[in-house]
């Protein structure tokens, strides 16, 4: 699904006020790679991005897929914690 399609599907269920979507990617450079993971909280009624929480780390460019997936899991946890803090701050206003 494209992001807009996913948001619309979630909106149609009527079971949530926000959608939290994430994406991870690997950017390879000579000698190292950067693993990036970003979470976005999107208000379903307006489509407004409520918060964005990126996380990234450099790893050896020889890392295998298992190591990369492990790093993505850690980054997802970090981004999730940051997103929760940012959403709490937005809602406190």
C-alpha atoms as a PDB file:
ATOM      1  CA  UNK A   1       0.000   0.000   0.000  1.00  0.00           C
ATOM      2  CA  UNK A   2       0.994   3.576  -0.495  1.00  0.00           C
ATOM      3  CA  UNK A   3       0.856   5.680   2.662  1.00  0.00           C
ATOM      4  CA  UNK A   4      -2.274   7.567   1.569  1.00  0.00           C
ATOM      5  CA  UNK A   5      -4.063   4.285   0.844  1.00  0.00           C
ATOM      6  CA  UNK A   6      -3.081   2.863   4.223  1.00  0.00           C
ATOM      7  CA  UNK A   7      -4.330   5.994   6.004  1.00  0.00           C
ATOM      8  CA  UNK A   8      -7.643   5.794   4.155  1.00  0.00           C
ATOM      9  CA  UNK A   9      -8.087   2.120   5.065  1.00  0.00           C
ATOM     10  CA  UNK A  10      -7.448   2.874   8.729  1.00  0.00           C
ATOM     11  CA  UNK A  11      -9.766   5.895   8.599  1.00  0.00           C
ATOM     12  CA  UNK A  12     -12.570   3.790   7.085  1.00  0.00           C
ATOM     13  CA  UNK A  13     -12.531   1.374  10.027  1.00  0.00           C
ATOM     14  CA  UNK A  14     -13.481   4.194  12.396  1.00  0.00           C
ATOM     15  CA  UNK A  15     -11.506   2.435  15.129  1.00  0.00           C
ATOM     16  CA  UNK A  16      -8.717   4.986  15.534  1.00  0.00           C
ATOM     17  CA  UNK A  17      -8.110   8.722  15.649  1.00  0.00           C
ATOM     18  CA  UNK A  18      -4.474   8.517  14.595  1.00  0.00           C
ATOM     19  CA  UNK A  19      -2.351   6.249  12.450  1.00  0.00           C
ATOM     20  CA  UNK A  20       1.256   5.532  13.285  1.00  0.00           C
ATOM     21  CA  UNK A  21       3.258   4.595  10.220  1.00  0.00           C
ATOM     22  CA  UNK A  22       6.940   3.776  10.008  1.00  0.00           C
ATOM     23  CA  UNK A  23       9.573   3.158   7.433  1.00  0.00           C
ATOM     24  CA  UNK A  24      13.093   1.880   7.629  1.00  0.00           C
ATOM     25  CA  UNK A  25      15.878   2.062   5.097  1.00  0.00           C
ATOM     26  CA  UNK A  26      19.516   1.239   4.643  1.00  0.00           C
ATOM     27  CA  UNK A  27      21.888   3.718   3.007  1.00  0.00           C
ATOM     28  CA  UNK A  28      25.183   2.116   2.057  1.00  0.00           C
ATOM     29  CA  UNK A  29      28.375   4.157   1.811  1.00  0.00           C
ATOM     30  CA  UNK A  30      31.962   3.104   1.366  1.00  0.00           C
ATOM     31  CA  UNK A  31      33.066   1.537   4.658  1.00  0.00           C
ATOM     32  CA  UNK A  32      29.820   2.019   6.558  1.00  0.00           C
ATOM     33  CA  UNK A  33      26.069   2.030   6.218  1.00  0.00           C
ATOM     34  CA  UNK A  34      23.403   4.118   7.881  1.00  0.00           C
ATOM     35  CA  UNK A  35      20.224   2.442   9.067  1.00  0.00           C
ATOM     36  CA  UNK A  36      17.323   4.881   9.405  1.00  0.00           C
ATOM     37  CA  UNK A  37      13.880   4.377  10.892  1.00  0.00           C
ATOM     38  CA  UNK A  38      11.164   7.008  11.085  1.00  0.00           C
ATOM     39  CA  UNK A  39       7.733   6.903  12.690  1.00  0.00           C
ATOM     40  CA  UNK A  40       4.973   9.374  11.853  1.00  0.00           C
ATOM     41  CA  UNK A  41       1.724   9.950  13.752  1.00  0.00           C
ATOM     42  CA  UNK A  42      -1.034  11.170  11.437  1.00  0.00           C
ATOM     43  CA  UNK A  43      -4.413  12.522  12.534  1.00  0.00           C
ATOM     44  CA  UNK A  44      -6.971  10.565  10.551  1.00  0.00           C
ATOM     45  CA  UNK A  45      -9.654  13.243  10.533  1.00  0.00           C
ATOM     46  CA  UNK A  46      -7.424  15.947   9.047  1.00  0.00           C
ATOM     47  CA  UNK A  47      -4.493  14.019   7.583  1.00  0.00           C
ATOM     48  CA  UNK A  48      -2.213  16.305   9.606  1.00  0.00           C
ATOM     49  CA  UNK A  49       1.180  14.959  10.678  1.00  0.00           C
ATOM     50  CA  UNK A  50       1.060  15.243  14.467  1.00  0.00           C
ATOM     51  CA  UNK A  51       4.615  14.106  15.208  1.00  0.00           C
ATOM     52  CA  UNK A  52       7.658  12.673  13.461  1.00  0.00           C
ATOM     53  CA  UNK A  53      10.309  10.639  15.250  1.00  0.00           C
ATOM     54  CA  UNK A  54      13.454   9.693  13.328  1.00  0.00           C
ATOM     55  CA  UNK A  55      16.214   7.425  14.585  1.00  0.00           C
ATOM     56  CA  UNK A  56      19.451   6.446  12.837  1.00  0.00           C
ATOM     57  CA  UNK A  57      22.722   4.652  13.467  1.00  0.00           C
ATOM     58  CA  UNK A  58      25.835   3.914  11.430  1.00  0.00           C
ATOM     59  CA  UNK A  59      26.912   0.281  11.108  1.00  0.00           C
ATOM     60  CA  UNK A  60      29.683  -1.591   9.339  1.00  0.00           C
ATOM     61  CA  UNK A  61      28.821  -1.939   5.638  1.00  0.00           C
ATOM     62  CA  UNK A  62      29.521  -5.692   5.891  1.00  0.00           C
ATOM     63  CA  UNK A  63      26.561  -6.231   8.223  1.00  0.00           C
ATOM     64  CA  UNK A  64      24.241  -9.016   7.116  1.00  0.00           C
ATOM     65  CA  UNK A  65      20.451  -8.823   6.939  1.00  0.00           C
ATOM     66  CA  UNK A  66      20.012 -10.320  10.422  1.00  0.00           C
ATOM     67  CA  UNK A  67      22.220  -7.627  11.964  1.00  0.00           C
ATOM     68  CA  UNK A  68      20.400  -4.926  10.005  1.00  0.00           C
ATOM     69  CA  UNK A  69      17.003  -6.224  11.147  1.00  0.00           C
ATOM     70  CA  UNK A  70      18.206  -6.275  14.746  1.00  0.00           C
ATOM     71  CA  UNK A  71      19.341  -2.655  14.454  1.00  0.00           C
ATOM     72  CA  UNK A  72      15.996  -1.705  12.860  1.00  0.00           C
ATOM     73  CA  UNK A  73      14.211  -3.207  15.865  1.00  0.00           C
ATOM     74  CA  UNK A  74      16.257  -1.111  18.280  1.00  0.00           C
ATOM     75  CA  UNK A  75      15.700   2.018  16.181  1.00  0.00           C
ATOM     76  CA  UNK A  76      11.957   1.335  16.019  1.00  0.00           C
ATOM     77  CA  UNK A  77      11.879   1.161  19.824  1.00  0.00           C
ATOM     78  CA  UNK A  78      13.807   4.448  20.100  1.00  0.00           C
ATOM     79  CA  UNK A  79      11.576   6.165  17.552  1.00  0.00           C
ATOM     80  CA  UNK A  80       8.468   4.812  19.306  1.00  0.00           C
ATOM     81  CA  UNK A  81       9.551   6.260  22.642  1.00  0.00           C
ATOM     82  CA  UNK A  82      10.343   9.622  21.038  1.00  0.00           C
ATOM     83  CA  UNK A  83       7.013   9.631  19.180  1.00  0.00           C
ATOM     84  CA  UNK A  84       5.096   8.929  22.403  1.00  0.00           C
ATOM     85  CA  UNK A  85       6.865  11.840  24.128  1.00  0.00           C
ATOM     86  CA  UNK A  86       6.175  14.186  21.226  1.00  0.00           C
ATOM     87  CA  UNK A  87       2.506  13.193  21.027  1.00  0.00           C
ATOM     88  CA  UNK A  88       2.105  13.688  24.779  1.00  0.00           C
ATOM     89  CA  UNK A  89       3.563  17.195  24.410  1.00  0.00           C
ATOM     90  CA  UNK A  90       1.209  18.006  21.515  1.00  0.00           C
ATOM     91  CA  UNK A  91      -1.840  16.748  23.424  1.00  0.00           C
ATOM     92  CA  UNK A  92      -0.801  18.644  26.566  1.00  0.00           C
ATOM     93  CA  UNK A  93      -1.117  21.954  24.713  1.00  0.00           C
END
